[in-house]
All heavy atoms as atom14 arrays in JSON, in Angstrom:
{
  "sequence": "DVMAEALAKADIAAPIVPVIANVTAEKVSDPDAIRQAL",
  "atom14_mask": [
    [1, 1, 1, 1, 1, 1, 1, 1, 0, 0, 0, 0, 0, 0],
    [1, 1, 1, 1, 1, 1, 1, 0, 0, 0, 0, 0, 0, 0],
    [1, 1, 1, 1, 1, 1, 1, 1, 0, 0, 0, 0, 0, 0],
    [1, 1, 1, 1, 1, 0, 0, 0, 0, 0, 0, 0, 0, 0],
    [1, 1, 1, 1, 1, 1, 1, 1, 1, 0, 0, 0, 0, 0],
    [1, 1, 1, 1, 1, 0, 0, 0, 0, 0, 0, 0, 0, 0],
    [1, 1, 1, 1, 1, 1, 1, 1, 0, 0, 0, 0, 0, 0],
    [1, 1, 1, 1, 1, 0, 0, 0, 0, 0, 0, 0, 0, 0],
    [1, 1, 1, 1, 1, 1, 1, 1, 1, 0, 0, 0, 0, 0],
    [1, 1, 1, 1, 1, 0, 0, 0, 0, 0, 0, 0, 0, 0],
    [1, 1, 1, 1, 1, 1, 1, 1, 0, 0, 0, 0, 0, 0],
    [1, 1, 1, 1, 1, 1, 1, 1, 0, 0, 0, 0, 0, 0],
    [1, 1, 1, 1, 1, 0, 0, 0, 0, 0, 0, 0, 0, 0],
    [1, 1, 1, 1, 1, 0, 0, 0, 0, 0, 0, 0, 0, 0],
    [1, 1, 1, 1, 1, 1, 1, 0, 0, 0, 0, 0, 0, 0],
    [1, 1, 1, 1, 1, 1, 1, 1, 0, 0, 0, 0, 0, 0],
    [1, 1, 1, 1, 1, 1, 1, 0, 0, 0, 0, 0, 0, 0],
    [1, 1, 1, 1, 1, 1, 1, 0, 0, 0, 0, 0, 0, 0],
    [1, 1, 1, 1, 1, 1, 1, 0, 0, 0, 0, 0, 0, 0],
    [1, 1, 1, 1, 1, 1, 1, 1, 0, 0, 0, 0, 0, 0],
    [1, 1, 1, 1, 1, 0, 0, 0, 0, 0, 0, 0, 0, 0],
    [1, 1, 1, 1, 1, 1, 1, 1, 0, 0, 0, 0, 0, 0],
    [1, 1, 1, 1, 1, 1, 1, 0, 0, 0, 0, 0, 0, 0],
    [1, 1, 1, 1, 1, 1, 1, 0, 0, 0, 0, 0, 0, 0],
    [1, 1, 1, 1, 1, 0, 0, 0, 0, 0, 0, 0, 0, 0],
    [1, 1, 1, 1, 1, 1, 1, 1, 1, 0, 0, 0, 0, 0],
    [1, 1, 1, 1, 1, 1, 1, 1, 1, 0, 0, 0, 0, 0],
    [1, 1, 1, 1, 1, 1, 1, 0, 0, 0, 0, 0, 0, 0],
    [1, 1, 1, 1, 1, 1, 0, 0, 0, 0, 0, 0, 0, 0],
    [1, 1, 1, 1, 1, 1, 1, 1, 0, 0, 0, 0, 0, 0],
    [1, 1, 1, 1, 1, 1, 1, 0, 0, 0, 0, 0, 0, 0],
    [1, 1, 1, 1, 1, 1, 1, 1, 0, 0, 0, 0, 0, 0],
    [1, 1, 1, 1, 1, 0, 0, 0, 0, 0, 0, 0, 0, 0],
    [1, 1, 1, 1, 1, 1, 1, 1, 0, 0, 0, 0, 0, 0],
    [1, 1, 1, 1, 1, 1, 1, 1, 1, 1, 1, 0, 0, 0],
    [1, 1, 1, 1, 1, 1, 1, 1, 1, 0, 0, 0, 0, 0],
    [1, 1, 1, 1, 1, 0, 0, 0, 0, 0, 0, 0, 0, 0],
    [1, 1, 1, 1, 1, 1, 1, 1, 0, 0, 0, 0, 0, 0]
  ],
  "atom14_positions": [
    [[15.06, 15.9, 16.81], [14.7, 17.2, 16.21], [15.75, 17.62, 15.18], [15.41, 18.13, 14.1], [14.6, 18.27, 17.31], [13.43, 18.01, 18.27], [12.51, 17.25, 17.9], [13.46, 18.56, 19.39], [0.0, 0.0, 0.0], [0.0, 0.0, 0.0], [0.0, 0.0, 0.0], [0.0, 0.0, 0.0], [0.0, 0.0, 0.0], [0.0, 0.0, 0.0]],
    [[17.03, 17.4, 15.5], [18.11, 17.73, 14.56], [17.96, 16.91, 13.28], [18.09, 17.43, 12.16], [19.49, 17.48, 15.21], [20.61, 17.58, 14.17], [19.74, 18.47, 16.34], [0.0, 0.0, 0.0], [0.0, 0.0, 0.0], [0.0, 0.0, 0.0], [0.0, 0.0, 0.0], [0.0, 0.0, 0.0], [0.0, 0.0, 0.0], [0.0, 0.0, 0.0]],
    [[17.69, 15.61, 13.43], [17.58, 14.74, 12.25], [16.34, 15.04, 11.43], [16.35, 14.9, 10.21], [17.62, 13.27, 12.67], [18.98, 12.81, 13.15], [20.36, 13.33, 12.08], [19.98, 12.42, 10.57], [0.0, 0.0, 0.0], [0.0, 0.0, 0.0], [0.0, 0.0, 0.0], [0.0, 0.0, 0.0], [0.0, 0.0, 0.0], [0.0, 0.0, 0.0]],
    [[15.26, 15.45, 12.09], [14.04, 15.83, 11.34], [14.37, 16.98, 10.39], [13.95, 16.97, 9.21], [12.94, 16.23, 12.31], [0.0, 0.0, 0.0], [0.0, 0.0, 0.0], [0.0, 0.0, 0.0], [0.0, 0.0, 0.0], [0.0, 0.0, 0.0], [0.0, 0.0, 0.0], [0.0, 0.0, 0.0], [0.0, 0.0, 0.0], [0.0, 0.0, 0.0]],
    [[15.14, 17.93, 10.89], [15.52, 19.09, 10.06], [16.48, 18.67, 8.94], [16.31, 19.07, 7.79], [16.19, 20.13, 10.96], [16.4, 21.47, 10.29], [16.99, 22.51, 11.24], [16.71, 22.46, 12.44], [17.74, 23.37, 10.75], [0.0, 0.0, 0.0], [0.0, 0.0, 0.0], [0.0, 0.0, 0.0], [0.0, 0.0, 0.0], [0.0, 0.0, 0.0]],
    [[17.47, 17.84, 9.28], [18.46, 17.41, 8.27], [17.8, 16.56, 7.18], [18.09, 16.71, 5.99], [19.58, 16.62, 8.94], [0.0, 0.0, 0.0], [0.0, 0.0, 0.0], [0.0, 0.0, 0.0], [0.0, 0.0, 0.0], [0.0, 0.0, 0.0], [0.0, 0.0, 0.0], [0.0, 0.0, 0.0], [0.0, 0.0, 0.0], [0.0, 0.0, 0.0]],
    [[16.9, 15.67, 7.59], [16.24, 14.78, 6.62], [15.23, 15.53, 5.76], [15.01, 15.16, 4.6], [15.56, 13.62, 7.36], [16.54, 12.59, 7.94], [15.89, 11.78, 9.06], [17.06, 11.65, 6.84], [0.0, 0.0, 0.0], [0.0, 0.0, 0.0], [0.0, 0.0, 0.0], [0.0, 0.0, 0.0], [0.0, 0.0, 0.0], [0.0, 0.0, 0.0]],
    [[14.64, 16.58, 6.3], [13.71, 17.39, 5.51], [14.41, 18.03, 4.32], [13.81, 18.2, 3.25], [13.07, 18.47, 6.39], [0.0, 0.0, 0.0], [0.0, 0.0, 0.0], [0.0, 0.0, 0.0], [0.0, 0.0, 0.0], [0.0, 0.0, 0.0], [0.0, 0.0, 0.0], [0.0, 0.0, 0.0], [0.0, 0.0, 0.0], [0.0, 0.0, 0.0]],
    [[15.7, 18.34, 4.5], [16.47, 18.98, 3.42], [17.12, 17.95, 2.49], [17.61, 18.31, 1.42], [17.58, 19.85, 4.03], [17.08, 21.01, 4.87], [18.26, 21.7, 5.55], [17.81, 22.76, 6.53], [18.92, 23.19, 7.41], [0.0, 0.0, 0.0], [0.0, 0.0, 0.0], [0.0, 0.0, 0.0], [0.0, 0.0, 0.0], [0.0, 0.0, 0.0]],
    [[17.17, 16.69, 2.91], [17.88, 15.66, 2.13], [17.09, 15.27, 0.88], [15.86, 15.22, 0.89], [18.13, 14.44, 3.0], [0.0, 0.0, 0.0], [0.0, 0.0, 0.0], [0.0, 0.0, 0.0], [0.0, 0.0, 0.0], [0.0, 0.0, 0.0], [0.0, 0.0, 0.0], [0.0, 0.0, 0.0], [0.0, 0.0, 0.0], [0.0, 0.0, 0.0]],
    [[17.83, 14.99, -0.17], [17.23, 14.53, -1.42], [17.09, 13.01, -1.34], [18.09, 12.28, -1.37], [18.14, 14.93, -2.59], [17.51, 14.64, -3.94], [16.29, 14.4, -3.98], [18.25, 14.63, -4.95], [0.0, 0.0, 0.0], [0.0, 0.0, 0.0], [0.0, 0.0, 0.0], [0.0, 0.0, 0.0], [0.0, 0.0, 0.0], [0.0, 0.0, 0.0]],
    [[15.86, 12.53, -1.19], [15.61, 11.1, -1.01], [14.71, 10.6, -2.12], [13.69, 11.21, -2.44], [14.97, 10.81, 0.37], [15.92, 11.27, 1.49], [14.64, 9.33, 0.53], [15.37, 11.09, 2.9], [0.0, 0.0, 0.0], [0.0, 0.0, 0.0], [0.0, 0.0, 0.0], [0.0, 0.0, 0.0], [0.0, 0.0, 0.0], [0.0, 0.0, 0.0]],
    [[15.09, 9.47, -2.72], [14.31, 8.83, -3.78], [13.76, 7.5, -3.28], [14.2, 6.97, -2.25], [15.19, 8.6, -5.0], [0.0, 0.0, 0.0], [0.0, 0.0, 0.0], [0.0, 0.0, 0.0], [0.0, 0.0, 0.0], [0.0, 0.0, 0.0], [0.0, 0.0, 0.0], [0.0, 0.0, 0.0], [0.0, 0.0, 0.0], [0.0, 0.0, 0.0]],
    [[12.81, 6.94, -4.01], [12.33, 5.59, -3.68], [13.46, 4.6, -3.97], [14.08, 4.64, -5.03], [11.11, 5.25, -4.53], [0.0, 0.0, 0.0], [0.0, 0.0, 0.0], [0.0, 0.0, 0.0], [0.0, 0.0, 0.0], [0.0, 0.0, 0.0], [0.0, 0.0, 0.0], [0.0, 0.0, 0.0], [0.0, 0.0, 0.0], [0.0, 0.0, 0.0]],
    [[13.78, 3.7, -3.03], [14.88, 2.75, -3.25], [14.55, 1.75, -4.36], [13.38, 1.41, -4.57], [15.04, 2.06, -1.9], [13.73, 2.24, -1.21], [13.16, 3.54, -1.7], [0.0, 0.0, 0.0], [0.0, 0.0, 0.0], [0.0, 0.0, 0.0], [0.0, 0.0, 0.0], [0.0, 0.0, 0.0], [0.0, 0.0, 0.0], [0.0, 0.0, 0.0]],
    [[15.6, 1.26, -5.03], [15.39, 0.3, -6.13], [15.05, -1.09, -5.59], [14.55, -1.94, -6.32], [16.63, 0.22, -7.05], [17.89, -0.21, -6.27], [16.87, 1.55, -7.76], [19.1, -0.52, -7.14], [0.0, 0.0, 0.0], [0.0, 0.0, 0.0], [0.0, 0.0, 0.0], [0.0, 0.0, 0.0], [0.0, 0.0, 0.0], [0.0, 0.0, 0.0]],
    [[15.32, -1.32, -4.3], [14.9, -2.53, -3.6], [14.24, -2.07, -2.3], [14.79, -1.21, -1.62], [16.11, -3.45, -3.28], [15.68, -4.68, -2.48], [16.82, -3.87, -4.56], [0.0, 0.0, 0.0], [0.0, 0.0, 0.0], [0.0, 0.0, 0.0], [0.0, 0.0, 0.0], [0.0, 0.0, 0.0], [0.0, 0.0, 0.0], [0.0, 0.0, 0.0]],
    [[13.07, -2.61, -1.94], [12.41, -2.15, -0.71], [13.27, -2.37, 0.52], [14.0, -3.36, 0.63], [11.14, -3.01, -0.65], [10.91, -3.48, -2.04], [12.27, -3.62, -2.66], [0.0, 0.0, 0.0], [0.0, 0.0, 0.0], [0.0, 0.0, 0.0], [0.0, 0.0, 0.0], [0.0, 0.0, 0.0], [0.0, 0.0, 0.0], [0.0, 0.0, 0.0]],
    [[13.18, -1.42, 1.46], [13.93, -1.47, 2.72], [12.95, -1.71, 3.87], [11.86, -1.13, 3.9], [14.7, -0.14, 2.94], [15.38, -0.12, 4.29], [15.72, 0.07, 1.83], [0.0, 0.0, 0.0], [0.0, 0.0, 0.0], [0.0, 0.0, 0.0], [0.0, 0.0, 0.0], [0.0, 0.0, 0.0], [0.0, 0.0, 0.0], [0.0, 0.0, 0.0]],
    [[13.34, -2.57, 4.8], [12.53, -2.79, 6.0], [12.97, -1.77, 7.05], [14.14, -1.73, 7.44], [12.7, -4.22, 6.55], [12.32, -5.26, 5.49], [11.88, -4.41, 7.83], [10.88, -5.24, 5.05], [0.0, 0.0, 0.0], [0.0, 0.0, 0.0], [0.0, 0.0, 0.0], [0.0, 0.0, 0.0], [0.0, 0.0, 0.0], [0.0, 0.0, 0.0]],
    [[12.04, -0.94, 7.52], [12.37, 0.11, 8.48], [12.46, -0.44, 9.89], [11.63, -1.26, 10.31], [11.3, 1.21, 8.42], [0.0, 0.0, 0.0], [0.0, 0.0, 0.0], [0.0, 0.0, 0.0], [0.0, 0.0, 0.0], [0.0, 0.0, 0.0], [0.0, 0.0, 0.0], [0.0, 0.0, 0.0], [0.0, 0.0, 0.0], [0.0, 0.0, 0.0]],
    [[13.45, 0.02, 10.65], [13.64, -0.42, 12.04], [12.4, -0.18, 12.91], [12.03, -1.03, 13.72], [14.79, 0.34, 12.68], [16.17, -0.16, 12.28], [17.17, 0.25, 12.85], [16.26, -1.06, 11.3], [0.0, 0.0, 0.0], [0.0, 0.0, 0.0], [0.0, 0.0, 0.0], [0.0, 0.0, 0.0], [0.0, 0.0, 0.0], [0.0, 0.0, 0.0]],
    [[11.79, 0.99, 12.77], [10.75, 1.39, 13.73], [9.4, 0.74, 13.46], [8.57, 0.66, 14.37], [10.58, 2.93, 13.8], [11.8, 3.57, 14.43], [10.28, 3.53, 12.44], [0.0, 0.0, 0.0], [0.0, 0.0, 0.0], [0.0, 0.0, 0.0], [0.0, 0.0, 0.0], [0.0, 0.0, 0.0], [0.0, 0.0, 0.0], [0.0, 0.0, 0.0]],
    [[9.19, 0.27, 12.23], [7.9, -0.36, 11.9], [8.03, -1.85, 11.6], [7.04, -2.58, 11.64], [7.26, 0.3, 10.67], [8.14, 0.15, 9.54], [6.99, 1.78, 10.91], [0.0, 0.0, 0.0], [0.0, 0.0, 0.0], [0.0, 0.0, 0.0], [0.0, 0.0, 0.0], [0.0, 0.0, 0.0], [0.0, 0.0, 0.0], [0.0, 0.0, 0.0]],
    [[9.25, -2.3, 11.28], [9.49, -3.68, 10.83], [8.65, -3.98, 9.58], [8.24, -5.11, 9.35], [9.21, -4.69, 11.94], [0.0, 0.0, 0.0], [0.0, 0.0, 0.0], [0.0, 0.0, 0.0], [0.0, 0.0, 0.0], [0.0, 0.0, 0.0], [0.0, 0.0, 0.0], [0.0, 0.0, 0.0], [0.0, 0.0, 0.0], [0.0, 0.0, 0.0]],
    [[8.44, -2.95, 8.78], [7.67, -3.09, 7.54], [8.42, -2.42, 6.39], [9.29, -1.59, 6.61], [6.28, -2.44, 7.69], [5.39, -3.16, 8.69], [4.09, -2.42, 8.95], [3.88, -1.33, 8.35], [3.28, -2.93, 9.74], [0.0, 0.0, 0.0], [0.0, 0.0, 0.0], [0.0, 0.0, 0.0], [0.0, 0.0, 0.0], [0.0, 0.0, 0.0]],
    [[8.01, -2.79, 5.16], [8.63, -2.2, 3.97], [8.37, -0.7, 3.91], [7.27, -0.24, 4.22], [8.05, -2.84, 2.7], [8.67, -4.14, 2.33], [8.46, -4.49, 0.86], [7.02, -4.69, 0.49], [6.91, -5.25, -0.9], [0.0, 0.0, 0.0], [0.0, 0.0, 0.0], [0.0, 0.0, 0.0], [0.0, 0.0, 0.0], [0.0, 0.0, 0.0]],
    [[9.4, 0.04, 3.49], [9.24, 1.48, 3.29], [9.89, 1.83, 1.95], [11.0, 1.41, 1.66], [9.85, 2.28, 4.46], [11.34, 2.03, 4.6], [9.58, 3.76, 4.32], [0.0, 0.0, 0.0], [0.0, 0.0, 0.0], [0.0, 0.0, 0.0], [0.0, 0.0, 0.0], [0.0, 0.0, 0.0], [0.0, 0.0, 0.0], [0.0, 0.0, 0.0]],
    [[9.15, 2.56, 1.12], [9.67, 2.97, -0.19], [9.42, 4.44, -0.5], [10.19, 5.08, -1.2], [9.05, 2.11, -1.31], [9.54, 0.8, -1.26], [0.0, 0.0, 0.0], [0.0, 0.0, 0.0], [0.0, 0.0, 0.0], [0.0, 0.0, 0.0], [0.0, 0.0, 0.0], [0.0, 0.0, 0.0], [0.0, 0.0, 0.0], [0.0, 0.0, 0.0]],
    [[8.33, 4.98, 0.02], [7.98, 6.37, -0.24], [8.99, 7.31, 0.46], [9.29, 7.14, 1.64], [6.57, 6.66, 0.3], [6.21, 8.12, 0.19], [5.96, 8.59, -0.93], [6.21, 8.81, 1.25], [0.0, 0.0, 0.0], [0.0, 0.0, 0.0], [0.0, 0.0, 0.0], [0.0, 0.0, 0.0], [0.0, 0.0, 0.0], [0.0, 0.0, 0.0]],
    [[9.55, 8.29, -0.27], [10.57, 9.17, 0.32], [10.14, 9.86, 1.62], [10.92, 9.95, 2.57], [10.84, 10.18, -0.78], [10.59, 9.41, -2.05], [9.42, 8.52, -1.73], [0.0, 0.0, 0.0], [0.0, 0.0, 0.0], [0.0, 0.0, 0.0], [0.0, 0.0, 0.0], [0.0, 0.0, 0.0], [0.0, 0.0, 0.0], [0.0, 0.0, 0.0]],
    [[8.89, 10.33, 1.69], [8.44, 10.98, 2.93], [8.32, 9.98, 4.07], [8.61, 10.3, 5.23], [7.1, 11.7, 2.71], [7.28, 13.0, 1.93], [8.4, 13.57, 2.0], [6.34, 13.44, 1.26], [0.0, 0.0, 0.0], [0.0, 0.0, 0.0], [0.0, 0.0, 0.0], [0.0, 0.0, 0.0], [0.0, 0.0, 0.0], [0.0, 0.0, 0.0]],
    [[7.91, 8.75, 3.76], [7.83, 7.7, 4.79], [9.23, 7.33, 5.26], [9.44, 7.03, 6.45], [7.12, 6.47, 4.23], [0.0, 0.0, 0.0], [0.0, 0.0, 0.0], [0.0, 0.0, 0.0], [0.0, 0.0, 0.0], [0.0, 0.0, 0.0], [0.0, 0.0, 0.0], [0.0, 0.0, 0.0], [0.0, 0.0, 0.0], [0.0, 0.0, 0.0]],
    [[10.21, 7.36, 4.36], [11.61, 7.1, 4.73], [12.1, 8.18, 5.69], [12.72, 7.88, 6.72], [12.51, 7.02, 3.48], [12.2, 5.74, 2.69], [13.99, 7.08, 3.85], [12.82, 5.7, 1.31], [0.0, 0.0, 0.0], [0.0, 0.0, 0.0], [0.0, 0.0, 0.0], [0.0, 0.0, 0.0], [0.0, 0.0, 0.0], [0.0, 0.0, 0.0]],
    [[11.82, 9.44, 5.37], [12.21, 10.55, 6.26], [11.61, 10.36, 7.66], [12.3, 10.52, 8.67], [11.72, 11.89, 5.69], [12.53, 12.41, 4.54], [12.12, 13.82, 4.15], [12.89, 14.25, 3.0], [12.53, 14.04, 1.74], [11.38, 13.42, 1.47], [13.29, 14.45, 0.74], [0.0, 0.0, 0.0], [0.0, 0.0, 0.0], [0.0, 0.0, 0.0]],
    [[10.34, 10.01, 7.69], [9.65, 9.83, 8.97], [10.26, 8.66, 9.76], [10.5, 8.76, 10.97], [8.16, 9.59, 8.72], [7.34, 9.55, 10.0], [5.86, 9.42, 9.72], [5.43, 9.24, 8.6], [5.05, 9.52, 10.77], [0.0, 0.0, 0.0], [0.0, 0.0, 0.0], [0.0, 0.0, 0.0], [0.0, 0.0, 0.0], [0.0, 0.0, 0.0]],
    [[10.52, 7.55, 9.06], [11.07, 6.37, 9.73], [12.46, 6.65, 10.3], [12.77, 6.24, 11.43], [11.12, 5.19, 8.75], [0.0, 0.0, 0.0], [0.0, 0.0, 0.0], [0.0, 0.0, 0.0], [0.0, 0.0, 0.0], [0.0, 0.0, 0.0], [0.0, 0.0, 0.0], [0.0, 0.0, 0.0], [0.0, 0.0, 0.0], [0.0, 0.0, 0.0]],
    [[13.29, 7.35, 9.54], [14.65, 7.66, 10.01], [14.62, 8.67, 11.17], [15.46, 8.6, 12.07], [15.5, 8.2, 8.86], [15.88, 7.2, 7.77], [16.66, 7.9, 6.65], [16.68, 6.03, 8.33], [0.0, 0.0, 0.0], [0.0, 0.0, 0.0], [0.0, 0.0, 0.0], [0.0, 0.0, 0.0], [0.0, 0.0, 0.0], [0.0, 0.0, 0.0]]
  ]
}
């Protein structure tokens, strides 16, 4: 819950190289999808 609040305020851009997310084991690039994954 704390991280959901902190990440909602964070300035996140699409990465210049795709990142594989821990929770999905799939590529994540969209900023909102990054917030959700983290």
